[in-house]
């Protein structure tokens, strides 16, 4: 069986495993104060251009931990987070944000993106309400790019969100668990330097993009830097063997524009476009137009049954009694020979 249900069902990139193996018999300082974390931070910052000197970088084990720690550290109890209904923190993290006492203000969105007009309207409901002391104050805007539906924010859309955040004094937080697949998507026009300029805080996903585990949280806003490590420790996010994340991110990001982070994610994005074209050739419709490694197709139950004989997919909503939305993910670990099998099976279904 070939797995296409997600982009984290393999261990780590061979180069990452090799790097971990090569330092396995050595010893380093603990809690992220080591030469490999320093080297990784330096390599990552080299992709930020003019924004490099502003960045504080911290390595955390997973995405939910990163989201929880960033939001807890940034907000007071009376402050809330604006996201979309499909946002990961709203529907995939067991209420972790609400458990810290922060209300979620979830916006409807057909494409999984927070749009500037909707954000402005939501913020205005508080800031222009004479009875605002009875409400929570929207203070942070949470977005992910790619989104949960595989869609991408354009540079113009990010700039528009930045303007609204500046208008109301809100933080912009970008969840980059799959950032690599967005940065290398054929239709994307956003760079890491753009994100470093526009976001107050974001993280670069490793778990879904070639590391065994780990996310690199990047704090750009000075107001959010103070005491962040205290919040990390309180949330169980300070790894004693921090160098294990440092060596992995160093391996992914060394090499400038030819870094593994880009080359491997770009290949996955290219595979996804081949997959998309194969479904289009069969007249299959899509739940959303995704330019990234996640493709959401609407399959007749007979078509799905045919593909299920060899392929494991992610089941989404039923459209009607005969049709279901199914997610296919390519990844850094996708193999050409496996993709060819899937393409042939799509052509034959």
Protein backbone atom coordinates (compact mmCIF):
# COMPACT_ATOMS: atom_id res chain seq x y z
CA UNK A 1 0.00 0.00 0.00
CA UNK A 2 1.24 3.47 -0.90
CA UNK A 3 0.50 6.28 1.56
CA UNK A 4 -0.74 9.65 0.27
CA UNK A 5 -2.84 10.59 3.31
CA UNK A 6 -0.32 13.04 4.80
CA UNK A 7 3.19 14.45 4.43
CA UNK A 8 4.70 13.14 7.68
CA UNK A 9 4.45 9.37 7.30
CA UNK A 10 8.18 8.78 6.74
CA UNK A 11 11.06 9.27 9.16
CA UNK A 12 13.59 11.84 7.99
CA UNK A 13 15.53 12.78 4.89
CA UNK A 14 18.59 10.53 4.41
CA UNK A 15 20.92 13.54 4.71
CA UNK A 16 19.31 14.42 8.05
CA UNK A 17 19.72 10.85 9.30
CA UNK A 18 23.32 10.85 8.13
CA UNK A 19 24.02 14.08 10.00
CA UNK A 20 22.43 12.74 13.18
CA UNK A 21 24.44 9.54 12.91
CA UNK A 22 27.72 11.40 12.41
CA UNK A 23 27.39 13.34 15.66
CA UNK A 24 25.78 10.55 17.70
CA UNK A 25 28.97 9.74 19.64
CA UNK A 26 29.75 13.37 20.43
CA UNK A 27 28.51 15.45 23.34
CA UNK A 28 27.06 18.96 23.39
CA UNK A 29 25.61 21.55 25.72
CA UNK A 30 21.96 21.09 26.64
CA UNK A 31 18.68 22.95 26.19
CA UNK A 32 19.53 24.47 22.81
CA UNK A 33 22.75 26.17 23.90
CA UNK A 34 25.05 24.31 21.52
CA UNK A 35 26.98 24.83 18.32
CA UNK A 36 24.45 23.05 16.12
CA UNK A 37 21.53 25.21 17.20
CA UNK A 38 23.74 28.26 16.67
CA UNK A 39 24.73 27.04 13.20
CA UNK A 40 21.12 26.27 12.30
CA UNK A 41 19.96 29.72 13.39
CA UNK A 42 22.70 31.32 11.31
CA UNK A 43 21.74 29.33 8.21
CA UNK A 44 18.04 30.07 8.61
CA UNK A 45 18.68 33.79 9.11
CA UNK A 46 20.69 33.85 5.89
CA UNK A 47 17.37 33.32 4.06
CA UNK A 48 15.81 36.42 5.65
CA UNK A 49 17.84 39.00 3.75
CA UNK A 50 17.60 42.46 5.30
CA UNK A 51 15.41 41.11 8.11
CA UNK A 52 18.02 38.67 9.47
CA UNK A 53 19.26 40.76 12.39
CA UNK A 54 15.73 41.21 13.76
CA UNK A 55 15.03 37.50 14.18
CA UNK A 56 15.07 35.43 17.35
CA UNK A 57 14.85 31.68 16.62
CA UNK A 58 13.79 28.89 18.97
CA UNK A 59 13.44 25.17 18.22
CA UNK A 60 10.34 23.35 19.45
CA UNK A 61 9.36 19.73 18.91
CA UNK A 62 5.97 20.01 17.15
CA UNK A 63 3.38 22.26 15.58
CA UNK A 64 0.73 22.20 18.30
CA UNK A 65 3.42 22.89 20.90
CA UNK A 66 4.66 25.81 18.81
CA UNK A 67 1.17 27.28 18.37
CA UNK A 68 0.34 26.87 22.05
CA UNK A 69 3.60 28.37 23.30
CA UNK A 70 3.61 31.34 20.91
CA UNK A 71 0.02 32.31 21.68
CA UNK A 72 0.38 31.81 25.44
CA UNK A 73 3.51 33.95 25.52
CA UNK A 74 2.03 36.72 23.40
CA UNK A 75 -1.43 37.28 24.89
CA UNK A 76 -3.02 38.35 28.14
CA UNK A 77 -6.11 36.41 29.33
CA UNK A 78 -8.49 39.10 28.06
CA UNK A 79 -7.08 38.87 24.53
CA UNK A 80 -8.33 36.55 21.78
CA UNK A 81 -7.13 35.04 18.51
CA UNK A 82 -8.71 35.54 15.09
CA UNK A 83 -8.47 32.60 12.69
CA UNK A 84 -10.64 30.81 10.15
CA UNK A 85 -12.98 27.97 11.05
CA UNK A 86 -10.65 25.51 9.31
CA UNK A 87 -7.62 26.82 11.18
CA UNK A 88 -5.47 24.14 12.77
CA UNK A 89 -5.69 25.72 16.22
CA UNK A 90 -9.48 25.84 15.90
CA UNK A 91 -10.28 22.28 14.91
CA UNK A 92 -7.20 20.04 15.18
CA UNK A 93 -5.60 20.80 18.54
CA UNK A 94 -8.16 19.56 21.10
CA UNK A 95 -8.93 23.04 22.38
CA UNK A 96 -5.34 23.67 23.46
CA UNK A 97 -5.62 27.42 22.96
CA UNK A 98 -8.98 27.69 24.74
CA UNK A 99 -7.49 25.66 27.60
CA UNK A 100 -5.10 28.55 28.26
CA UNK A 101 -8.05 30.94 28.59
CA UNK A 102 -7.92 32.54 25.14
CA UNK A 103 -11.08 32.75 23.06
CA UNK A 104 -10.97 31.84 19.36
CA UNK A 105 -12.77 34.18 16.96
CA UNK A 106 -13.30 31.90 13.96
CA UNK A 107 -14.15 33.44 10.59
CA UNK A 108 -15.94 31.66 7.76
CA UNK A 109 -13.77 31.15 4.71
CA UNK A 110 -14.31 29.07 1.60
CA UNK A 111 -10.63 28.87 0.71
CA UNK A 112 -9.13 28.46 4.18
CA UNK A 113 -7.63 31.96 4.21
CA UNK A 114 -8.21 34.96 6.45
CA UNK A 115 -9.06 37.83 4.14
CA UNK A 116 -8.26 41.42 5.04
CA UNK A 117 -11.84 42.65 4.64
CA UNK A 118 -13.24 39.98 6.97
CA UNK A 119 -10.45 40.60 9.48
CA UNK A 120 -11.10 44.33 9.48
CA UNK A 121 -14.81 43.75 10.08
CA UNK A 122 -14.14 41.35 12.97
CA UNK A 123 -11.67 43.71 14.64
CA UNK A 124 -13.99 46.69 14.17
CA UNK A 125 -16.73 44.87 16.06
CA UNK A 126 -14.58 45.20 19.16
CA UNK A 127 -12.70 48.43 18.65
CA UNK A 128 -15.81 50.45 17.72
CA UNK A 129 -18.14 48.85 20.25
CA UNK A 130 -19.06 51.09 23.16
CA UNK A 131 -19.57 48.01 25.33
CA UNK A 132 -16.19 46.47 24.46
CA UNK A 133 -15.31 45.82 28.11
CA UNK A 134 -17.72 42.89 27.94
CA UNK A 135 -15.81 41.30 25.04
CA UNK A 136 -12.41 39.76 24.48
CA UNK A 137 -9.91 41.91 22.66
CA UNK A 138 -8.78 40.49 19.31
CA UNK A 139 -5.02 40.79 19.58
CA UNK A 140 -3.51 38.09 17.35
CA UNK A 141 -4.33 36.93 13.84
CA UNK A 142 -3.44 33.28 13.19
CA UNK A 143 -2.94 32.15 9.60
CA UNK A 144 -1.23 29.17 8.01
CA UNK A 145 0.38 29.13 4.60
CA UNK A 146 -0.24 26.76 2.97
CA UNK A 147 -3.63 26.58 4.65
CA UNK A 148 -5.44 23.46 5.79
CA UNK A 149 -6.95 23.37 2.29
CA UNK A 150 -3.60 23.70 0.52
CA UNK A 151 -4.24 27.27 -0.60
CA UNK A 152 -1.58 29.98 -0.52
CA UNK A 153 -1.47 33.59 0.56
CA UNK A 154 -0.12 35.90 -2.13
CA UNK A 155 2.29 38.67 -1.22
CA UNK A 156 -0.49 41.20 -1.77
CA UNK A 157 -2.80 39.32 0.62
CA UNK A 158 -0.13 39.19 3.33
CA UNK A 159 0.53 42.90 2.95
CA UNK A 160 -3.21 43.61 3.25
CA UNK A 161 -3.38 41.57 6.47
CA UNK A 162 -0.34 43.43 7.80
CA UNK A 163 -2.12 46.74 7.19
CA UNK A 164 -5.19 45.62 9.14
CA UNK A 165 -3.03 44.33 12.00
CA UNK A 166 -1.20 47.66 12.14
CA UNK A 167 -4.52 49.53 12.08
CA UNK A 168 -5.77 47.76 15.21
CA UNK A 169 -2.50 46.93 16.95
CA UNK A 170 -2.76 43.16 16.39
CA UNK A 171 0.01 40.59 15.98
CA UNK A 172 0.28 38.53 12.79
CA UNK A 173 1.25 34.91 13.49
CA UNK A 174 1.94 32.58 10.56
CA UNK A 175 1.88 28.81 11.08
CA UNK A 176 4.46 27.47 8.63
CA UNK A 177 4.16 23.74 9.26
CA UNK A 178 4.07 23.22 5.47
CA UNK A 179 5.80 26.47 4.56
CA UNK A 180 8.34 24.77 2.31
CA UNK A 181 5.65 23.48 -0.02
CA UNK A 182 4.22 26.98 -0.29
CA UNK A 183 7.52 28.75 -0.89
CA UNK A 184 8.31 26.35 -3.75
CA UNK A 185 4.83 26.15 -5.29
CA UNK A 186 4.92 27.12 -8.99
CA UNK A 187 2.39 29.93 -8.52
CA UNK A 188 3.76 31.27 -5.24
CA UNK A 189 5.20 34.79 -5.03
CA UNK A 190 6.20 34.92 -1.34
CA UNK A 191 9.73 34.43 -0.01
CA UNK A 192 11.06 33.78 3.48
CA UNK A 193 12.35 37.34 3.53
CA UNK A 194 8.81 38.59 2.79
CA UNK A 195 7.40 36.56 5.68
CA UNK A 196 10.14 37.78 8.01
CA UNK A 197 9.26 41.36 7.08
CA UNK A 198 5.46 41.05 7.39
CA UNK A 199 4.85 38.62 10.28
CA UNK A 200 5.38 39.39 13.97
CA UNK A 201 6.08 35.73 14.61
CA UNK A 202 6.05 32.60 12.46
CA UNK A 203 7.49 29.14 12.41
CA UNK A 204 9.24 27.05 9.81
CA UNK A 205 8.03 23.48 9.81
CA UNK A 206 10.54 20.66 9.83
CA UNK A 207 8.28 17.72 10.76
CA UNK A 208 6.43 17.79 7.43
CA UNK A 209 9.41 18.94 5.38
CA UNK A 210 12.22 16.46 6.02
CA UNK A 211 13.26 16.45 9.68
CA UNK A 212 12.50 13.65 12.10
CA UNK A 213 10.72 16.26 14.22
CA UNK A 214 10.98 19.95 15.04
CA UNK A 215 9.71 23.43 14.18
CA UNK A 216 11.76 26.63 14.13
CA UNK A 217 9.83 29.47 15.78
CA UNK A 218 10.98 32.87 14.49
CA UNK A 219 10.10 35.96 16.52
CA UNK A 220 10.44 39.29 14.69
CA UNK A 221 8.51 41.62 16.99
CA UNK A 222 10.62 42.75 19.96
CA UNK A 223 7.54 42.85 22.21
CA UNK A 224 7.15 39.08 21.81
CA UNK A 225 10.77 38.15 22.50
CA UNK A 226 10.91 38.93 26.20
CA UNK A 227 10.63 35.88 28.47
CA UNK A 228 9.74 33.56 25.57
CA UNK A 229 12.05 30.82 26.84
CA UNK A 230 10.29 30.92 30.22
CA UNK A 231 7.04 30.15 28.43
CA UNK A 232 8.77 27.40 26.46
CA UNK A 233 9.96 25.78 29.68
CA UNK A 234 6.55 26.10 31.32
CA UNK A 235 4.91 24.40 28.32
CA UNK A 236 7.42 21.54 28.16
CA UNK A 237 8.96 22.92 24.98
CA UNK A 238 12.63 23.12 26.03
CA UNK A 239 14.30 19.93 24.80
CA UNK A 240 17.32 18.88 26.86
CA UNK A 241 18.94 17.38 23.75
CA UNK A 242 18.31 20.53 21.75
CA UNK A 243 21.16 19.83 19.35
CA UNK A 244 19.05 17.09 17.79
CA UNK A 245 16.88 19.80 16.29
CA UNK A 246 19.78 22.11 15.55
CA UNK A 247 21.64 19.57 13.40
CA UNK A 248 18.45 18.73 11.50
CA UNK A 249 17.62 22.33 10.62
CA UNK A 250 21.24 23.07 9.80
CA UNK A 251 21.20 20.18 7.34
CA UNK A 252 17.95 21.36 5.75
CA UNK A 253 18.97 25.00 5.35
CA UNK A 254 22.66 24.98 4.48
CA UNK A 255 23.35 25.67 0.84
CA UNK A 256 21.45 28.89 0.25
CA UNK A 257 18.94 28.69 -2.61
CA UNK A 258 19.97 25.07 -3.21
CA UNK A 259 19.19 24.01 0.37
CA UNK A 260 17.43 20.67 0.86
CA UNK A 261 14.45 22.53 2.32
CA UNK A 262 13.79 24.06 -1.09
CA UNK A 263 14.84 21.26 -3.43
CA UNK A 264 12.89 18.51 -1.68
CA UNK A 265 9.74 20.59 -1.14
CA UNK A 266 9.89 21.83 -4.73
CA UNK A 267 9.96 18.27 -6.04
CA UNK A 268 6.91 17.44 -3.94
CA UNK A 269 5.10 20.48 -5.32
CA UNK A 270 5.96 19.41 -8.86
CA UNK A 271 4.65 15.91 -8.17
CA UNK A 272 1.43 17.41 -6.83
CA UNK A 273 0.94 19.33 -10.07
CA UNK A 274 1.34 16.08 -12.03
CA UNK A 275 -1.23 14.49 -9.74
CA UNK A 276 -3.57 17.42 -10.24
CA UNK A 277 -3.24 17.20 -14.02
CA UNK A 278 -3.99 13.46 -13.94
CA UNK A 279 -7.25 14.02 -12.07
CA UNK A 280 -8.17 16.90 -14.37
CA UNK A 281 -7.63 14.63 -17.40
CA UNK A 282 -10.23 12.25 -15.95
CA UNK A 283 -12.72 15.07 -15.43
CA UNK A 284 -12.46 14.86 -11.64
CA UNK A 285 -13.48 18.01 -9.79
CA UNK A 286 -11.63 19.58 -6.88
CA UNK A 287 -12.99 20.85 -3.58
CA UNK A 288 -10.56 23.77 -3.77
CA UNK A 289 -7.93 24.91 -6.24
CA UNK A 290 -4.68 24.11 -4.44
CA UNK A 291 -1.27 25.00 -5.92
CA UNK A 292 0.61 23.06 -3.24
CA UNK A 293 1.38 19.51 -2.17
CA UNK A 294 -2.15 18.92 -0.83
CA UNK A 295 -4.80 18.09 -3.43
CA UNK A 296 -8.45 17.76 -2.46
CA UNK A 297 -10.39 15.83 -5.08
CA UNK A 298 -14.06 14.87 -5.26
CA UNK A 299 -14.27 11.18 -6.14
CA UNK A 300 -17.23 8.97 -6.90
CA UNK A 301 -17.34 6.09 -4.43
CA UNK A 302 -16.50 3.62 -7.23
CA UNK A 303 -13.43 5.64 -8.21
CA UNK A 304 -12.37 5.79 -4.58
CA UNK A 305 -12.84 2.05 -4.18
CA UNK A 306 -10.58 1.44 -7.18
CA UNK A 307 -7.78 3.61 -5.81
CA UNK A 308 -8.10 2.20 -2.28
CA UNK A 309 -6.82 -1.15 -3.51
CA UNK A 310 -3.27 0.23 -3.60
CA UNK A 311 -3.35 3.67 -2.02
CA UNK A 312 -4.02 5.07 1.46
CA UNK A 313 -5.68 8.50 1.36
CA UNK A 314 -7.19 11.01 3.81
CA UNK A 315 -10.97 10.95 3.93
CA UNK A 316 -12.73 14.28 4.18
CA UNK A 317 -16.40 15.30 3.96
CA UNK A 318 -19.06 13.57 1.88
CA UNK A 319 -20.41 15.82 -0.87
CA UNK A 320 -23.45 13.60 -1.37
CA UNK A 321 -24.25 9.88 -1.09
CA UNK A 322 -22.10 9.10 -4.12
CA UNK A 323 -19.16 11.51 -3.85
CA UNK A 324 -16.54 12.22 -1.21
CA UNK A 325 -13.72 14.74 -0.82
CA UNK A 326 -10.39 12.95 -0.50
CA UNK A 327 -6.97 14.46 0.23
CA UNK A 328 -3.81 13.32 -1.53
CA UNK A 329 -0.48 14.63 -0.19
CA UNK A 330 2.87 14.50 -1.88
CA UNK A 331 5.91 15.10 0.32
CA UNK A 332 9.67 15.36 0.50
CA UNK A 333 9.65 11.57 0.80
CA UNK A 334 7.48 10.85 -2.27
CA UNK A 335 9.18 8.57 -4.79
CA UNK A 336 8.94 8.86 -8.55
CA UNK A 337 8.08 5.20 -8.95
CA UNK A 338 5.22 5.45 -6.44
CA UNK A 339 3.81 8.52 -8.15
CA UNK A 340 3.89 6.71 -11.49
CA UNK A 341 1.82 3.88 -10.00
CA UNK A 342 -0.74 6.37 -8.70
CA UNK A 343 -0.89 8.23 -12.01
CA UNK A 344 -1.48 4.98 -13.88
CA UNK A 345 -4.22 3.95 -11.45
CA UNK A 346 -5.92 7.33 -11.84
CA UNK A 347 -5.84 6.95 -15.62
CA UNK A 348 -7.38 3.49 -15.31
CA UNK A 349 -10.12 4.29 -12.79
